[in-house]
Amino acid sequence: MVFPKLVITIVLILVLFFFIYESEGASYSSGSYNVGHGADINTPYDHQKVNLSVYYDSLCQSCATFIVKDLLNVFYNNLISIVNLQLVPWANAYVNNTNNSISCQNGPDECELNSLESCALNLWHKVDIRYYLINCFEYLVIGGKSMEWVNCLSQLGLPKEPIMKCFNMGNGAQLGKTYINQTAQLYPPPSFLPWVVVNNQPVGKDYANFAHYVCKAYKGAAVPEVCNPPSK
């Protein structure tokens, strides 16, 4: 059954969120409709953090699996302390120049969820809140229940009104055009999804092993244990 698994996943996420909230004094925040960049977790080595960008589409099953399963490890192994994590939806969408509308690979439902996720990423600037919310959305995608996304807001104690206002005003789609333009600037361009980029370098098919590339790119002194595996 998908629902019991969802409940278990949400409980685990909430427990992890509680500890991060307590240790970092996290708080919910909202902002103007500008695409945010980077994590809002301050350390003495912010300028040395590695940029980790994930280009995806909301109804892409391989993307959902990566976000829910693999990317969660950045919090479990404290890799988040050395990365600026950026989630970039709309990766396979394009703008129709004739009428300025957006088309998505998996149809209107994907455009709608892309818009909602864009609003979520723009409204909540804390990296943990952003990730947990998108994680929940994508968990529902895996189970074929993406239309139940509003449950994720209630599970995480987030208000529904700001995201609905953003969506209904069309701001999610406007943000989408910004994301589409950002994706179009990539070289080489994405050839599949998820497209994972570490400090502007794509990791290709080895995206599940992204931690290796992050550790290799990091030049700071505060090295998390995951980057120093015990010698054999």
C-alpha atoms as a PDB file:
ATOM      1  CA  MET A   1       0.000   0.000   0.000  1.00  0.00           C
ATOM      2  CA  VAL A   2       1.379   3.435  -0.973  1.00  0.00           C
ATOM      3  CA  PHE A   3      -0.354   5.435   1.791  1.00  0.00           C
ATOM      4  CA  PRO A   4       1.207   3.614   4.771  1.00  0.00           C
ATOM      5  CA  LYS A   5       4.625   3.930   3.143  1.00  0.00           C
ATOM      6  CA  LEU A   6       3.977   7.645   2.624  1.00  0.00           C
ATOM      7  CA  VAL A   7       3.070   8.070   6.296  1.00  0.00           C
ATOM      8  CA  ILE A   8       6.263   6.284   7.372  1.00  0.00           C
ATOM      9  CA  THR A   9       8.349   8.433   5.026  1.00  0.00           C
ATOM     10  CA  ILE A  10       6.735  11.642   6.261  1.00  0.00           C
ATOM     11  CA  VAL A  11       7.291  10.628   9.892  1.00  0.00           C
ATOM     12  CA  LEU A  12      10.992   9.994   9.201  1.00  0.00           C
ATOM     13  CA  ILE A  13      11.294  13.307   7.403  1.00  0.00           C
ATOM     14  CA  LEU A  14       9.560  15.140  10.247  1.00  0.00           C
ATOM     15  CA  VAL A  15      11.892  13.562  12.806  1.00  0.00           C
ATOM     16  CA  LEU A  16      14.928  14.616  10.767  1.00  0.00           C
ATOM     17  CA  PHE A  17      13.413  18.064  10.269  1.00  0.00           C
ATOM     18  CA  PHE A  18      12.871  18.416  14.037  1.00  0.00           C
ATOM     19  CA  PHE A  19      16.541  17.873  14.797  1.00  0.00           C
ATOM     20  CA  ILE A  20      17.666  20.261  12.073  1.00  0.00           C
ATOM     21  CA  TYR A  21      15.111  22.819  13.242  1.00  0.00           C
ATOM     22  CA  GLU A  22      16.315  22.574  16.828  1.00  0.00           C
ATOM     23  CA  SER A  23      20.004  22.740  15.940  1.00  0.00           C
ATOM     24  CA  GLU A  24      19.836  25.517  13.372  1.00  0.00           C
ATOM     25  CA  GLY A  25      16.871  27.540  14.560  1.00  0.00           C
ATOM     26  CA  ALA A  26      15.121  26.990  11.253  1.00  0.00           C
ATOM     27  CA  SER A  27      11.968  28.960  10.571  1.00  0.00           C
ATOM     28  CA  TYR A  28       9.423  29.075   7.786  1.00  0.00           C
ATOM     29  CA  SER A  29       9.751  32.094   5.547  1.00  0.00           C
ATOM     30  CA  SER A  30       8.241  33.445   2.366  1.00  0.00           C
ATOM     31  CA  GLY A  31       9.600  35.831  -0.207  1.00  0.00           C
ATOM     32  CA  SER A  32       8.942  37.573  -3.486  1.00  0.00           C
ATOM     33  CA  TYR A  33       8.669  35.673  -6.729  1.00  0.00           C
ATOM     34  CA  ASN A  34      12.349  35.475  -7.591  1.00  0.00           C
ATOM     35  CA  VAL A  35      14.102  32.202  -8.207  1.00  0.00           C
ATOM     36  CA  GLY A  36      16.307  31.523  -5.172  1.00  0.00           C
ATOM     37  CA  HIS A  37      19.800  30.150  -5.378  1.00  0.00           C
ATOM     38  CA  GLY A  38      21.750  28.122  -2.884  1.00  0.00           C
ATOM     39  CA  ALA A  39      21.213  26.896   0.626  1.00  0.00           C
ATOM     40  CA  ASP A  40      20.282  29.103   3.531  1.00  0.00           C
ATOM     41  CA  ILE A  41      22.503  27.290   6.008  1.00  0.00           C
ATOM     42  CA  ASN A  42      25.373  29.441   7.246  1.00  0.00           C
ATOM     43  CA  THR A  43      28.793  27.999   8.030  1.00  0.00           C
ATOM     44  CA  PRO A  44      32.240  29.605   8.306  1.00  0.00           C
ATOM     45  CA  TYR A  45      33.036  28.122   4.890  1.00  0.00           C
ATOM     46  CA  ASP A  46      30.087  29.348   2.810  1.00  0.00           C
ATOM     47  CA  HIS A  47      32.353  30.677   0.062  1.00  0.00           C
ATOM     48  CA  GLN A  48      33.911  27.225  -0.315  1.00  0.00           C
ATOM     49  CA  LYS A  49      30.673  25.301  -0.696  1.00  0.00           C
ATOM     50  CA  VAL A  50      30.151  23.120  -3.735  1.00  0.00           C
ATOM     51  CA  ASN A  51      27.238  23.931  -6.036  1.00  0.00           C
ATOM     52  CA  LEU A  52      25.035  20.870  -6.478  1.00  0.00           C
ATOM     53  CA  SER A  53      22.233  21.396  -8.996  1.00  0.00           C
ATOM     54  CA  VAL A  54      19.558  18.863  -9.911  1.00  0.00           C
ATOM     55  CA  TYR A  55      17.669  19.486 -13.153  1.00  0.00           C
ATOM     56  CA  TYR A  56      14.454  17.476 -13.278  1.00  0.00           C
ATOM     57  CA  ASP A  57      10.788  17.319 -14.225  1.00  0.00           C
ATOM     58  CA  SER A  58       8.117  16.654 -11.645  1.00  0.00           C
ATOM     59  CA  LEU A  59       6.529  13.586 -13.303  1.00  0.00           C
ATOM     60  CA  CYS A  60       9.830  12.026 -14.394  1.00  0.00           C
ATOM     61  CA  GLN A  61       9.998   8.706 -12.523  1.00  0.00           C
ATOM     62  CA  SER A  62      13.795   8.468 -12.521  1.00  0.00           C
ATOM     63  CA  CYS A  63      13.940  12.030 -11.193  1.00  0.00           C
ATOM     64  CA  ALA A  64      11.443  11.240  -8.448  1.00  0.00           C
ATOM     65  CA  THR A  65      13.401   8.166  -7.391  1.00  0.00           C
ATOM     66  CA  PHE A  66      16.654  10.126  -7.274  1.00  0.00           C
ATOM     67  CA  ILE A  67      15.157  12.984  -5.256  1.00  0.00           C
ATOM     68  CA  VAL A  68      13.347  10.726  -2.788  1.00  0.00           C
ATOM     69  CA  LYS A  69      16.011   8.054  -2.336  1.00  0.00           C
ATOM     70  CA  ASP A  70      19.488   9.269  -3.283  1.00  0.00           C
ATOM     71  CA  LEU A  71      19.360  12.990  -2.618  1.00  0.00           C
ATOM     72  CA  LEU A  72      18.045  12.413   0.908  1.00  0.00           C
ATOM     73  CA  ASN A  73      21.550  11.270   1.825  1.00  0.00           C
ATOM     74  CA  VAL A  74      22.861  14.844   1.787  1.00  0.00           C
ATOM     75  CA  PHE A  75      21.079  15.292   5.116  1.00  0.00           C
ATOM     76  CA  TYR A  76      21.849  11.868   6.575  1.00  0.00           C
ATOM     77  CA  ASN A  77      25.594  12.103   5.946  1.00  0.00           C
ATOM     78  CA  ASN A  78      25.902  15.869   6.568  1.00  0.00           C
ATOM     79  CA  LEU A  79      26.985  16.533   3.001  1.00  0.00           C
ATOM     80  CA  ILE A  80      24.529  19.433   3.091  1.00  0.00           C
ATOM     81  CA  SER A  81      27.058  21.308   5.251  1.00  0.00           C
ATOM     82  CA  ILE A  82      29.363  21.758   2.253  1.00  0.00           C
ATOM     83  CA  VAL A  83      26.910  22.154  -0.636  1.00  0.00           C
ATOM     84  CA  ASN A  84      24.614  24.756  -2.099  1.00  0.00           C
ATOM     85  CA  LEU A  85      21.716  22.554  -3.179  1.00  0.00           C
ATOM     86  CA  GLN A  86      19.561  23.816  -6.017  1.00  0.00           C
ATOM     87  CA  LEU A  87      16.538  21.991  -7.412  1.00  0.00           C
ATOM     88  CA  VAL A  88      15.617  23.059 -10.946  1.00  0.00           C
ATOM     89  CA  PRO A  89      12.288  21.804 -12.333  1.00  0.00           C
ATOM     90  CA  TRP A  90      11.020  22.208 -15.924  1.00  0.00           C
ATOM     91  CA  ALA A  91      14.201  20.610 -17.308  1.00  0.00           C
ATOM     92  CA  ASN A  92      12.505  19.029 -20.342  1.00  0.00           C
ATOM     93  CA  ALA A  93       9.904  21.732 -20.899  1.00  0.00           C
ATOM     94  CA  TYR A  94      10.013  24.369 -23.618  1.00  0.00           C
ATOM     95  CA  VAL A  95       8.340  27.686 -24.372  1.00  0.00           C
ATOM     96  CA  ASN A  96       6.184  27.937 -27.492  1.00  0.00           C
ATOM     97  CA  ASN A  97       7.288  31.231 -29.012  1.00  0.00           C
ATOM     98  CA  THR A  98       4.060  31.534 -30.979  1.00  0.00           C
ATOM     99  CA  ASN A  99       1.800  31.992 -27.959  1.00  0.00           C
ATOM    100  CA  ASN A 100       4.368  32.095 -25.110  1.00  0.00           C
ATOM    101  CA  SER A 101       2.860  28.983 -23.518  1.00  0.00           C
ATOM    102  CA  ILE A 102       4.881  26.179 -21.936  1.00  0.00           C
ATOM    103  CA  SER A 103       4.767  22.556 -23.053  1.00  0.00           C
ATOM    104  CA  CYS A 104       5.913  19.723 -20.805  1.00  0.00           C
ATOM    105  CA  GLN A 105       7.138  16.284 -21.831  1.00  0.00           C
ATOM    106  CA  ASN A 106       4.511  14.500 -19.734  1.00  0.00           C
ATOM    107  CA  GLY A 107       1.651  16.841 -20.535  1.00  0.00           C
ATOM    108  CA  PRO A 108      -0.419  19.447 -18.663  1.00  0.00           C
ATOM    109  CA  ASP A 109      -0.349  17.550 -15.359  1.00  0.00           C
ATOM    110  CA  GLU A 110       3.430  17.839 -15.311  1.00  0.00           C
ATOM    111  CA  CYS A 111       3.272  21.544 -16.131  1.00  0.00           C
ATOM    112  CA  GLU A 112       0.869  22.001 -13.217  1.00  0.00           C
ATOM    113  CA  LEU A 113       3.075  20.148 -10.745  1.00  0.00           C
ATOM    114  CA  ASN A 114       6.176  21.908 -12.095  1.00  0.00           C
ATOM    115  CA  SER A 115       4.402  25.203 -11.405  1.00  0.00           C
ATOM    116  CA  LEU A 116       3.479  24.172  -7.872  1.00  0.00           C
ATOM    117  CA  GLU A 117       7.014  23.002  -7.139  1.00  0.00           C
ATOM    118  CA  SER A 118       8.409  26.255  -8.556  1.00  0.00           C
ATOM    119  CA  CYS A 119       6.139  28.195  -6.217  1.00  0.00           C
ATOM    120  CA  ALA A 120       7.253  26.039  -3.286  1.00  0.00           C
ATOM    121  CA  LEU A 121      10.934  26.536  -4.083  1.00  0.00           C
ATOM    122  CA  ASN A 122      10.410  30.270  -4.314  1.00  0.00           C
ATOM    123  CA  LEU A 123       8.286  30.662  -1.183  1.00  0.00           C
ATOM    124  CA  TRP A 124      10.385  28.706   1.307  1.00  0.00           C
ATOM    125  CA  HIS A 125      14.053  29.574   1.311  1.00  0.00           C
ATOM    126  CA  LYS A 126      15.384  27.140   3.890  1.00  0.00           C
ATOM    127  CA  VAL A 127      17.097  24.278   2.087  1.00  0.00           C
ATOM    128  CA  ASP A 128      15.665  21.643   4.433  1.00  0.00           C
ATOM    129  CA  ILE A 129      12.070  22.855   4.044  1.00  0.00           C
ATOM    130  CA  ARG A 130      12.464  23.089   0.274  1.00  0.00           C
ATOM    131  CA  TYR A 131      13.880  19.607   0.025  1.00  0.00           C
ATOM    132  CA  TYR A 132      11.388  17.888   2.335  1.00  0.00           C
ATOM    133  CA  LEU A 133       8.443  19.420   0.503  1.00  0.00           C
ATOM    134  CA  ILE A 134       9.712  18.448  -2.955  1.00  0.00           C
ATOM    135  CA  ASN A 135      10.635  15.015  -1.559  1.00  0.00           C
ATOM    136  CA  CYS A 136       7.031  14.548  -0.449  1.00  0.00           C
ATOM    137  CA  PHE A 137       5.645  15.713  -3.806  1.00  0.00           C
ATOM    138  CA  GLU A 138       7.922  13.313  -5.656  1.00  0.00           C
ATOM    139  CA  TYR A 139       7.139  10.422  -3.313  1.00  0.00           C
ATOM    140  CA  LEU A 140       3.514  10.831  -4.336  1.00  0.00           C
ATOM    141  CA  VAL A 141       4.588  10.831  -7.990  1.00  0.00           C
ATOM    142  CA  ILE A 142       6.252   7.448  -7.516  1.00  0.00           C
ATOM    143  CA  GLY A 143       3.005   6.079  -6.084  1.00  0.00           C
ATOM    144  CA  GLY A 144       0.849   7.604  -8.822  1.00  0.00           C
ATOM    145  CA  LYS A 145      -0.790  10.022  -6.364  1.00  0.00           C
ATOM    146  CA  SER A 146       0.691  13.346  -7.474  1.00  0.00           C
ATOM    147  CA  MET A 147      -2.717  15.041  -7.305  1.00  0.00           C
ATOM    148  CA  GLU A 148      -2.638  14.621  -3.520  1.00  0.00           C
ATOM    149  CA  TRP A 149       0.258  17.080  -3.192  1.00  0.00           C
ATOM    150  CA  VAL A 150      -1.680  19.317  -0.786  1.00  0.00           C
ATOM    151  CA  ASN A 151      -1.286  16.602   1.875  1.00  0.00           C
ATOM    152  CA  CYS A 152       2.446  17.352   1.898  1.00  0.00           C
ATOM    153  CA  LEU A 153       1.789  20.888   3.095  1.00  0.00           C
ATOM    154  CA  SER A 154      -0.323  19.728   6.013  1.00  0.00           C
ATOM    155  CA  GLN A 155       2.151  16.969   6.892  1.00  0.00           C
ATOM    156  CA  LEU A 156       4.976  19.510   7.113  1.00  0.00           C
ATOM    157  CA  GLY A 157       2.895  22.186   8.813  1.00  0.00           C
ATOM    158  CA  LEU A 158       3.117  24.599   5.878  1.00  0.00           C
ATOM    159  CA  PRO A 159       0.274  26.934   4.863  1.00  0.00           C
ATOM    160  CA  LYS A 160      -1.651  26.240   1.671  1.00  0.00           C
ATOM    161  CA  GLU A 161      -2.618  29.823   0.838  1.00  0.00           C
ATOM    162  CA  PRO A 162       0.772  31.190  -0.343  1.00  0.00           C
ATOM    163  CA  ILE A 163       1.438  28.385  -2.792  1.00  0.00           C
ATOM    164  CA  MET A 164      -2.112  28.512  -4.166  1.00  0.00           C
ATOM    165  CA  LYS A 165      -1.871  32.287  -4.604  1.00  0.00           C
ATOM    166  CA  CYS A 166       1.420  31.868  -6.455  1.00  0.00           C
ATOM    167  CA  PHE A 167      -0.045  29.158  -8.684  1.00  0.00           C
ATOM    168  CA  ASN A 168      -3.371  30.868  -9.409  1.00  0.00           C
ATOM    169  CA  MET A 169      -1.660  34.134 -10.328  1.00  0.00           C
ATOM    170  CA  GLY A 170       0.481  32.291 -12.869  1.00  0.00           C
ATOM    171  CA  ASN A 171       3.715  33.009 -11.039  1.00  0.00           C
ATOM    172  CA  GLY A 172       4.680  29.330 -11.077  1.00  0.00           C
ATOM    173  CA  ALA A 173       4.659  29.337 -14.872  1.00  0.00           C
ATOM    174  CA  GLN A 174       6.620  32.594 -14.959  1.00  0.00           C
ATOM    175  CA  LEU A 175       9.211  31.059 -12.672  1.00  0.00           C
ATOM    176  CA  GLY A 176       9.144  28.078 -15.020  1.00  0.00           C
ATOM    177  CA  LYS A 177      10.281  30.246 -17.913  1.00  0.00           C
ATOM    178  CA  THR A 178      13.222  31.375 -15.799  1.00  0.00           C
ATOM    179  CA  TYR A 179      14.107  27.767 -15.011  1.00  0.00           C
ATOM    180  CA  ILE A 180      13.745  26.781 -18.674  1.00  0.00           C
ATOM    181  CA  ASN A 181      16.114  29.582 -19.667  1.00  0.00           C
ATOM    182  CA  GLN A 182      18.559  28.515 -16.960  1.00  0.00           C
ATOM    183  CA  THR A 183      18.522  24.942 -18.261  1.00  0.00           C
ATOM    184  CA  ALA A 184      19.047  26.190 -21.811  1.00  0.00           C
ATOM    185  CA  GLN A 185      22.335  27.784 -20.720  1.00  0.00           C
ATOM    186  CA  LEU A 186      23.842  24.429 -19.732  1.00  0.00           C
ATOM    187  CA  TYR A 187      26.711  23.052 -21.775  1.00  0.00           C
ATOM    188  CA  PRO A 188      26.539  20.312 -22.623  1.00  0.00           C
ATOM    189  CA  PRO A 189      22.737  20.346 -22.596  1.00  0.00           C
ATOM    190  CA  PRO A 190      20.928  17.626 -20.613  1.00  0.00           C
ATOM    191  CA  SER A 191      20.594  14.372 -22.556  1.00  0.00           C
ATOM    192  CA  PHE A 192      18.502  12.633 -19.876  1.00  0.00           C
ATOM    193  CA  LEU A 193      16.978  13.354 -16.479  1.00  0.00           C
ATOM    194  CA  PRO A 194      17.812  13.817 -13.725  1.00  0.00           C
ATOM    195  CA  TRP A 195      20.724  15.922 -14.891  1.00  0.00           C
ATOM    196  CA  VAL A 196      23.051  16.451 -11.938  1.00  0.00           C
ATOM    197  CA  VAL A 197      25.692  19.167 -12.080  1.00  0.00           C
ATOM    198  CA  VAL A 198      28.526  19.706  -9.572  1.00  0.00           C
ATOM    199  CA  ASN A 199      30.273  23.071  -9.840  1.00  0.00           C
ATOM    200  CA  ASN A 200      29.039  23.447 -13.422  1.00  0.00           C
ATOM    201  CA  GLN A 201      30.283  19.972 -14.403  1.00  0.00           C
ATOM    202  CA  PRO A 202      27.653  17.312 -15.248  1.00  0.00           C
ATOM    203  CA  VAL A 203      28.233  13.928 -13.640  1.00  0.00           C
ATOM    204  CA  GLY A 204      26.377  12.049 -16.380  1.00  0.00           C
ATOM    205  CA  LYS A 205      24.962   8.600 -15.771  1.00  0.00           C
ATOM    206  CA  ASP A 206      26.816   8.364 -12.469  1.00  0.00           C
ATOM    207  CA  TYR A 207      24.387  10.790 -10.815  1.00  0.00           C
ATOM    208  CA  ALA A 208      23.526   8.372  -7.983  1.00  0.00           C
ATOM    209  CA  ASN A 209      27.182   8.665  -6.940  1.00  0.00           C
ATOM    210  CA  PHE A 210      27.004  12.462  -6.757  1.00  0.00           C
ATOM    211  CA  ALA A 211      28.564  12.539  -3.261  1.00  0.00           C
ATOM    212  CA  HIS A 212      31.887  11.390  -4.729  1.00  0.00           C
ATOM    213  CA  TYR A 213      31.949  14.355  -7.091  1.00  0.00           C
ATOM    214  CA  VAL A 214      30.951  16.796  -4.362  1.00  0.00           C
ATOM    215  CA  CYS A 215      33.720  15.557  -2.075  1.00  0.00           C
ATOM    216  CA  LYS A 216      36.240  15.752  -4.904  1.00  0.00           C
ATOM    217  CA  ALA A 217      35.234  19.323  -5.720  1.00  0.00           C
ATOM    218  CA  TYR A 218      35.239  20.555  -2.126  1.00  0.00           C
ATOM    219  CA  LYS A 219      38.419  22.421  -1.125  1.00  0.00           C
ATOM    220  CA  GLY A 220      37.454  23.597   2.350  1.00  0.00           C
ATOM    221  CA  ALA A 221      38.776  22.508   5.733  1.00  0.00           C
ATOM    222  CA  ALA A 222      35.548  21.327   7.385  1.00  0.00           C
ATOM    223  CA  VAL A 223      35.282  17.971   5.632  1.00  0.00           C
ATOM    224  CA  PRO A 224      32.292  15.751   6.519  1.00  0.00           C
ATOM    225  CA  GLU A 225      32.993  12.116   7.341  1.00  0.00           C
ATOM    226  CA  VAL A 226      31.367  10.900   4.148  1.00  0.00           C
ATOM    227  CA  CYS A 227      34.276  12.500   2.268  1.00  0.00           C
ATOM    228  CA  ASN A 228      36.799  10.644   4.428  1.00  0.00           C
ATOM    229  CA  PRO A 229      35.807   6.977   4.277  1.00  0.00           C
ATOM    230  CA  PRO A 230      37.796   4.715   6.611  1.00  0.00           C
ATOM    231  CA  SER A 231      40.861   3.232   4.968  1.00  0.00           C
ATOM    232  CA  LYS A 232      40.788  -0.493   4.326  1.00  0.00           C
END
